[in-house]
Amino acid sequence: MMIEPDVTSLINRAGSRYALVVAASKRARQLVDGDEPRVQLDFVAADRPVTAAVEEIDQEMVICHTETQN
């Protein structure tokens, strides 16, 4: 059984595990606060904001920005 989306591809899109977790949690909070999902979700996933956030990151509808310290 394969988990979709693949965690490795998500980490590559975000730049790091930390950035992925931060981006997914911020987007999930926006969804909980009433923002509309940018992806079409099935009935089960519609009640799961983290699932929606991860799917948006996977489909590059949410871009993860990282800042570097000087």
PDB file of N, CA and C in Angstrom:
ATOM      1  N   MET A   1       0.842  -1.178   0.000  1.00  0.00           N
ATOM      2  CA  MET A   1       0.000   0.000   0.000  1.00  0.00           C
ATOM      3  C   MET A   1       0.887   1.242   0.000  1.00  0.00           C
ATOM      4  N   MET A   2       0.573   2.169  -0.881  1.00  0.00           N
ATOM      5  CA  MET A   2       1.361   3.380  -1.021  1.00  0.00           C
ATOM      6  C   MET A   2       0.583   4.568  -0.467  1.00  0.00           C
ATOM      7  N   ILE A   3       1.257   5.424   0.263  1.00  0.00           N
ATOM      8  CA  ILE A   3       0.634   6.629   0.801  1.00  0.00           C
ATOM      9  C   ILE A   3       0.793   7.740  -0.225  1.00  0.00           C
ATOM     10  N   GLU A   4      -0.312   8.400  -0.531  1.00  0.00           N
ATOM     11  CA  GLU A   4      -0.290   9.503  -1.491  1.00  0.00           C
ATOM     12  C   GLU A   4      -0.682  10.783  -0.790  1.00  0.00           C
ATOM     13  N   PRO A   5      -0.058  11.871  -0.989  1.00  0.00           N
ATOM     14  CA  PRO A   5       1.146  12.051  -1.772  1.00  0.00           C
ATOM     15  C   PRO A   5       2.372  11.545  -1.022  1.00  0.00           C
ATOM     16  N   ASP A   6       3.401  11.228  -1.770  1.00  0.00           N
ATOM     17  CA  ASP A   6       4.642  10.698  -1.210  1.00  0.00           C
ATOM     18  C   ASP A   6       5.330  11.753  -0.344  1.00  0.00           C
ATOM     19  N   VAL A   7       5.742  11.368   0.846  1.00  0.00           N
ATOM     20  CA  VAL A   7       6.365  12.303   1.787  1.00  0.00           C
ATOM     21  C   VAL A   7       7.649  12.897   1.208  1.00  0.00           C
ATOM     22  N   THR A   8       8.407  12.093   0.496  1.00  0.00           N
ATOM     23  CA  THR A   8       9.652  12.585  -0.083  1.00  0.00           C
ATOM     24  C   THR A   8       9.398  13.708  -1.077  1.00  0.00           C
ATOM     25  N   SER A   9       8.377  13.559  -1.904  1.00  0.00           N
ATOM     26  CA  SER A   9       8.077  14.624  -2.866  1.00  0.00           C
ATOM     27  C   SER A   9       7.586  15.882  -2.159  1.00  0.00           C
ATOM     28  N   LEU A  10       6.841  15.709  -1.072  1.00  0.00           N
ATOM     29  CA  LEU A  10       6.391  16.872  -0.304  1.00  0.00           C
ATOM     30  C   LEU A  10       7.569  17.611   0.320  1.00  0.00           C
ATOM     31  N   ILE A  11       8.510  16.861   0.875  1.00  0.00           N
ATOM     32  CA  ILE A  11       9.700  17.483   1.478  1.00  0.00           C
ATOM     33  C   ILE A  11      10.500  18.220   0.411  1.00  0.00           C
ATOM     34  N   ASN A  12      10.612  17.633  -0.771  1.00  0.00           N
ATOM     35  CA  ASN A  12      11.330  18.303  -1.864  1.00  0.00           C
ATOM     36  C   ASN A  12      10.642  19.600  -2.264  1.00  0.00           C
ATOM     37  N   ARG A  13       9.323  19.618  -2.279  1.00  0.00           N
ATOM     38  CA  ARG A  13       8.593  20.842  -2.627  1.00  0.00           C
ATOM     39  C   ARG A  13       8.780  21.922  -1.560  1.00  0.00           C
ATOM     40  N   ALA A  14       8.811  21.501  -0.296  1.00  0.00           N
ATOM     41  CA  ALA A  14       8.906  22.461   0.808  1.00  0.00           C
ATOM     42  C   ALA A  14      10.339  22.880   1.103  1.00  0.00           C
ATOM     43  N   GLY A  15      11.289  22.043   0.805  1.00  0.00           N
ATOM     44  CA  GLY A  15      12.685  22.369   1.089  1.00  0.00           C
ATOM     45  C   GLY A  15      13.237  21.635   2.292  1.00  0.00           C
ATOM     46  N   SER A  16      12.379  21.339   3.266  1.00  0.00           N
ATOM     47  CA  SER A  16      12.799  20.586   4.448  1.00  0.00           C
ATOM     48  C   SER A  16      11.552  20.067   5.164  1.00  0.00           C
ATOM     49  N   ARG A  17      11.767  19.126   6.059  1.00  0.00           N
ATOM     50  CA  ARG A  17      10.643  18.605   6.840  1.00  0.00           C
ATOM     51  C   ARG A  17      10.025  19.702   7.696  1.00  0.00           C
ATOM     52  N   TYR A  18      10.879  20.516   8.278  1.00  0.00           N
ATOM     53  CA  TYR A  18      10.396  21.604   9.125  1.00  0.00           C
ATOM     54  C   TYR A  18       9.510  22.554   8.330  1.00  0.00           C
ATOM     55  N   ALA A  19       9.975  22.966   7.150  1.00  0.00           N
ATOM     56  CA  ALA A  19       9.200  23.885   6.312  1.00  0.00           C
ATOM     57  C   ALA A  19       7.875  23.258   5.896  1.00  0.00           C
ATOM     58  N   LEU A  20       7.885  21.961   5.625  1.00  0.00           N
ATOM     59  CA  LEU A  20       6.652  21.263   5.255  1.00  0.00           C
ATOM     60  C   LEU A  20       5.651  21.287   6.393  1.00  0.00           C
ATOM     61  N   VAL A  21       6.110  20.992   7.594  1.00  0.00           N
ATOM     62  CA  VAL A  21       5.215  20.971   8.754  1.00  0.00           C
ATOM     63  C   VAL A  21       4.666  22.363   9.036  1.00  0.00           C
ATOM     64  N   VAL A  22       5.506  23.376   8.967  1.00  0.00           N
ATOM     65  CA  VAL A  22       5.062  24.747   9.218  1.00  0.00           C
ATOM     66  C   VAL A  22       4.042  25.182   8.167  1.00  0.00           C
ATOM     67  N   ALA A  23       4.336  24.920   6.897  1.00  0.00           N
ATOM     68  CA  ALA A  23       3.419  25.329   5.829  1.00  0.00           C
ATOM     69  C   ALA A  23       2.083  24.595   5.931  1.00  0.00           C
ATOM     70  N   ALA A  24       2.136  23.294   6.188  1.00  0.00           N
ATOM     71  CA  ALA A  24       0.895  22.517   6.294  1.00  0.00           C
ATOM     72  C   ALA A  24       0.070  22.968   7.494  1.00  0.00           C
ATOM     73  N   SER A  25       0.726  23.242   8.614  1.00  0.00           N
ATOM     74  CA  SER A  25      -0.026  23.649   9.802  1.00  0.00           C
ATOM     75  C   SER A  25      -0.623  25.048   9.630  1.00  0.00           C
ATOM     76  N   LYS A  26       0.118  25.962   9.007  1.00  0.00           N
ATOM     77  CA  LYS A  26      -0.427  27.310   8.769  1.00  0.00           C
ATOM     78  C   LYS A  26      -1.612  27.261   7.816  1.00  0.00           C
ATOM     79  N   ARG A  27      -1.488  26.472   6.755  1.00  0.00           N
ATOM     80  CA  ARG A  27      -2.589  26.380   5.794  1.00  0.00           C
ATOM     81  C   ARG A  27      -3.789  25.674   6.417  1.00  0.00           C
ATOM     82  N   ALA A  28      -3.551  24.639   7.209  1.00  0.00           N
ATOM     83  CA  ALA A  28      -4.653  23.943   7.881  1.00  0.00           C
ATOM     84  C   ALA A  28      -5.387  24.893   8.820  1.00  0.00           C
ATOM     85  N   ARG A  29      -4.669  25.754   9.520  1.00  0.00           N
ATOM     86  CA  ARG A  29      -5.296  26.732  10.410  1.00  0.00           C
ATOM     87  C   ARG A  29      -6.163  27.698   9.603  1.00  0.00           C
ATOM     88  N   GLN A  30      -5.683  28.122   8.437  1.00  0.00           N
ATOM     89  CA  GLN A  30      -6.483  28.998   7.582  1.00  0.00           C
ATOM     90  C   GLN A  30      -7.777  28.305   7.162  1.00  0.00           C
ATOM     91  N   LEU A  31      -7.696  27.021   6.850  1.00  0.00           N
ATOM     92  CA  LEU A  31      -8.882  26.266   6.452  1.00  0.00           C
ATOM     93  C   LEU A  31      -9.863  26.131   7.615  1.00  0.00           C
ATOM     94  N   VAL A  32      -9.352  25.879   8.811  1.00  0.00           N
ATOM     95  CA  VAL A  32     -10.206  25.782   9.995  1.00  0.00           C
ATOM     96  C   VAL A  32     -10.898  27.111  10.254  1.00  0.00           C
ATOM     97  N   ASP A  33     -10.189  28.209  10.003  1.00  0.00           N
ATOM     98  CA  ASP A  33     -10.744  29.536  10.235  1.00  0.00           C
ATOM     99  C   ASP A  33     -11.698  29.998   9.133  1.00  0.00           C
ATOM    100  N   GLY A  34     -11.944  29.144   8.127  1.00  0.00           N
ATOM    101  CA  GLY A  34     -12.966  29.459   7.143  1.00  0.00           C
ATOM    102  C   GLY A  34     -12.513  29.642   5.712  1.00  0.00           C
ATOM    103  N   ASP A  35     -11.218  29.602   5.446  1.00  0.00           N
ATOM    104  CA  ASP A  35     -10.728  29.732   4.075  1.00  0.00           C
ATOM    105  C   ASP A  35     -11.178  28.518   3.261  1.00  0.00           C
ATOM    106  N   GLU A  36     -11.494  28.733   2.003  1.00  0.00           N
ATOM    107  CA  GLU A  36     -11.948  27.646   1.136  1.00  0.00           C
ATOM    108  C   GLU A  36     -10.751  26.837   0.626  1.00  0.00           C
ATOM    109  N   PRO A  37     -10.877  25.520   0.580  1.00  0.00           N
ATOM    110  CA  PRO A  37      -9.799  24.693   0.004  1.00  0.00           C
ATOM    111  C   PRO A  37      -9.596  25.013  -1.474  1.00  0.00           C
ATOM    112  N   ARG A  38      -8.366  24.950  -1.921  1.00  0.00           N
ATOM    113  CA  ARG A  38      -8.032  25.227  -3.315  1.00  0.00           C
ATOM    114  C   ARG A  38      -8.055  23.965  -4.171  1.00  0.00           C
ATOM    115  N   VAL A  39      -8.283  22.826  -3.540  1.00  0.00           N
ATOM    116  CA  VAL A  39      -8.346  21.558  -4.253  1.00  0.00           C
ATOM    117  C   VAL A  39      -9.717  20.934  -4.055  1.00  0.00           C
ATOM    118  N   GLN A  40     -10.098  20.100  -5.014  1.00  0.00           N
ATOM    119  CA  GLN A  40     -11.344  19.358  -4.904  1.00  0.00           C
ATOM    120  C   GLN A  40     -11.092  18.149  -4.013  1.00  0.00           C
ATOM    121  N   LEU A  41     -11.869  18.008  -2.939  1.00  0.00           N
ATOM    122  CA  LEU A  41     -11.672  16.930  -1.991  1.00  0.00           C
ATOM    123  C   LEU A  41     -12.864  15.991  -1.987  1.00  0.00           C
ATOM    124  N   ASP A  42     -12.588  14.720  -1.666  1.00  0.00           N
ATOM    125  CA  ASP A  42     -13.710  13.808  -1.505  1.00  0.00           C
ATOM    126  C   ASP A  42     -14.390  14.092  -0.166  1.00  0.00           C
ATOM    127  N   PHE A  43     -15.484  13.446   0.070  1.00  0.00           N
ATOM    128  CA  PHE A  43     -16.295  13.717   1.260  1.00  0.00           C
ATOM    129  C   PHE A  43     -15.526  13.517   2.560  1.00  0.00           C
ATOM    130  N   VAL A  44     -14.729  12.462   2.650  1.00  0.00           N
ATOM    131  CA  VAL A  44     -13.990  12.154   3.880  1.00  0.00           C
ATOM    132  C   VAL A  44     -12.911  13.196   4.142  1.00  0.00           C
ATOM    133  N   ALA A  45     -12.143  13.562   3.125  1.00  0.00           N
ATOM    134  CA  ALA A  45     -11.041  14.508   3.295  1.00  0.00           C
ATOM    135  C   ALA A  45     -11.525  15.931   3.532  1.00  0.00           C
ATOM    136  N   ALA A  46     -12.762  16.232   3.184  1.00  0.00           N
ATOM    137  CA  ALA A  46     -13.280  17.589   3.345  1.00  0.00           C
ATOM    138  C   ALA A  46     -13.306  18.020   4.802  1.00  0.00           C
ATOM    139  N   ASP A  47     -13.418  17.070   5.713  1.00  0.00           N
ATOM    140  CA  ASP A  47     -13.436  17.385   7.143  1.00  0.00           C
ATOM    141  C   ASP A  47     -12.053  17.328   7.778  1.00  0.00           C
ATOM    142  N   ARG A  48     -11.028  17.175   6.980  1.00  0.00           N
ATOM    143  CA  ARG A  48      -9.662  17.055   7.494  1.00  0.00           C
ATOM    144  C   ARG A  48      -8.791  18.171   6.917  1.00  0.00           C
ATOM    145  N   PRO A  49      -8.633  19.257   7.658  1.00  0.00           N
ATOM    146  CA  PRO A  49      -7.894  20.401   7.113  1.00  0.00           C
ATOM    147  C   PRO A  49      -6.426  20.110   6.826  1.00  0.00           C
ATOM    148  N   VAL A  50      -5.798  19.241   7.607  1.00  0.00           N
ATOM    149  CA  VAL A  50      -4.386  18.923   7.348  1.00  0.00           C
ATOM    150  C   VAL A  50      -4.265  18.153   6.038  1.00  0.00           C
ATOM    151  N   THR A  51      -5.195  17.246   5.784  1.00  0.00           N
ATOM    152  CA  THR A  51      -5.192  16.502   4.518  1.00  0.00           C
ATOM    153  C   THR A  51      -5.349  17.458   3.343  1.00  0.00           C
ATOM    154  N   ALA A  52      -6.252  18.405   3.465  1.00  0.00           N
ATOM    155  CA  ALA A  52      -6.448  19.396   2.405  1.00  0.00           C
ATOM    156  C   ALA A  52      -5.190  20.243   2.211  1.00  0.00           C
ATOM    157  N   ALA A  53      -4.565  20.652   3.307  1.00  0.00           N
ATOM    158  CA  ALA A  53      -3.357  21.474   3.224  1.00  0.00           C
ATOM    159  C   ALA A  53      -2.224  20.719   2.538  1.00  0.00           C
ATOM    160  N   VAL A  54      -2.034  19.461   2.896  1.00  0.00           N
ATOM    161  CA  VAL A  54      -0.976  18.650   2.289  1.00  0.00           C
ATOM    162  C   VAL A  54      -1.260  18.440   0.807  1.00  0.00           C
ATOM    163  N   GLU A  55      -2.506  18.212   0.456  1.00  0.00           N
ATOM    164  CA  GLU A  55      -2.875  18.041  -0.950  1.00  0.00           C
ATOM    165  C   GLU A  55      -2.610  19.319  -1.739  1.00  0.00           C
ATOM    166  N   GLU A  56      -2.886  20.471  -1.145  1.00  0.00           N
ATOM    167  CA  GLU A  56      -2.605  21.748  -1.805  1.00  0.00           C
ATOM    168  C   GLU A  56      -1.110  21.939  -2.019  1.00  0.00           C
ATOM    169  N   ILE A  57      -0.304  21.548  -1.042  1.00  0.00           N
ATOM    170  CA  ILE A  57       1.151  21.649  -1.184  1.00  0.00           C
ATOM    171  C   ILE A  57       1.616  20.712  -2.291  1.00  0.00           C
ATOM    172  N   ASP A  58       1.071  19.503  -2.321  1.00  0.00           N
ATOM    173  CA  ASP A  58       1.459  18.532  -3.338  1.00  0.00           C
ATOM    174  C   ASP A  58       1.122  19.028  -4.741  1.00  0.00           C
ATOM    175  N   GLN A  59      -0.006  19.686  -4.894  1.00  0.00           N
ATOM    176  CA  GLN A  59      -0.417  20.192  -6.206  1.00  0.00           C
ATOM    177  C   GLN A  59       0.135  21.591  -6.493  1.00  0.00           C
ATOM    178  N   GLU A  60       1.049  22.049  -5.641  1.00  0.00           N
ATOM    179  CA  GLU A  60       1.727  23.346  -5.781  1.00  0.00           C
ATOM    180  C   GLU A  60       0.755  24.513  -5.809  1.00  0.00           C
ATOM    181  N   MET A  61      -0.334  24.380  -5.073  1.00  0.00           N
ATOM    182  CA  MET A  61      -1.269  25.492  -4.916  1.00  0.00           C
ATOM    183  C   MET A  61      -0.901  26.330  -3.701  1.00  0.00           C
ATOM    184  N   VAL A  62      -0.050  25.789  -2.862  1.00  0.00           N
ATOM    185  CA  VAL A  62       0.525  26.496  -1.721  1.00  0.00           C
ATOM    186  C   VAL A  62       2.029  26.396  -1.886  1.00  0.00           C
ATOM    187  N   ILE A  63       2.700  27.515  -1.869  1.00  0.00           N
ATOM    188  CA  ILE A  63       4.144  27.557  -2.048  1.00  0.00           C
ATOM    189  C   ILE A  63       4.805  27.752  -0.689  1.00  0.00           C
ATOM    190  N   CYS A  64       5.813  26.959  -0.405  1.00  0.00           N
ATOM    191  CA  CYS A  64       6.546  27.065   0.858  1.00  0.00           C
ATOM    192  C   CYS A  64       7.752  27.963   0.656  1.00  0.00           C
ATOM    193  N   HIS A  65       7.816  29.025   1.423  1.00  0.00           N
ATOM    194  CA  HIS A  65       8.952  29.946   1.369  1.00  0.00           C
ATOM    195  C   HIS A  65       9.811  29.723   2.612  1.00  0.00           C
ATOM    196  N   THR A  66      11.120  29.707   2.403  1.00  0.00           N
ATOM    197  CA  THR A  66      12.032  29.589   3.528  1.00  0.00           C
ATOM    198  C   THR A  66      12.967  30.800   3.508  1.00  0.00           C
ATOM    199  N   GLU A  67      13.279  31.281   4.690  1.00  0.00           N
ATOM    200  CA  GLU A  67      14.198  32.395   4.813  1.00  0.00           C
ATOM    201  C   GLU A  67      15.508  31.878   5.372  1.00  0.00           C
ATOM    202  N   THR A  68      16.589  32.418   4.899  1.00  0.00           N
ATOM    203  CA  THR A  68      17.902  32.038   5.408  1.00  0.00           C
ATOM    204  C   THR A  68      18.409  33.145   6.309  1.00  0.00           C
ATOM    205  N   GLN A  69      19.100  32.748   7.342  1.00  0.00           N
ATOM    206  CA  GLN A  69      19.706  33.733   8.233  1.00  0.00           C
ATOM    207  C   GLN A  69      21.055  34.121   7.700  1.00  0.00           C
ATOM    208  N   ASN A  70      21.385  35.389   7.841  1.00  0.00           N
ATOM    209  CA  ASN A  70      22.699  35.878   7.404  1.00  0.00           C
ATOM    210  C   ASN A  70      23.675  35.856   8.532  1.00  0.00           C
TER     211      ASN A  70
END
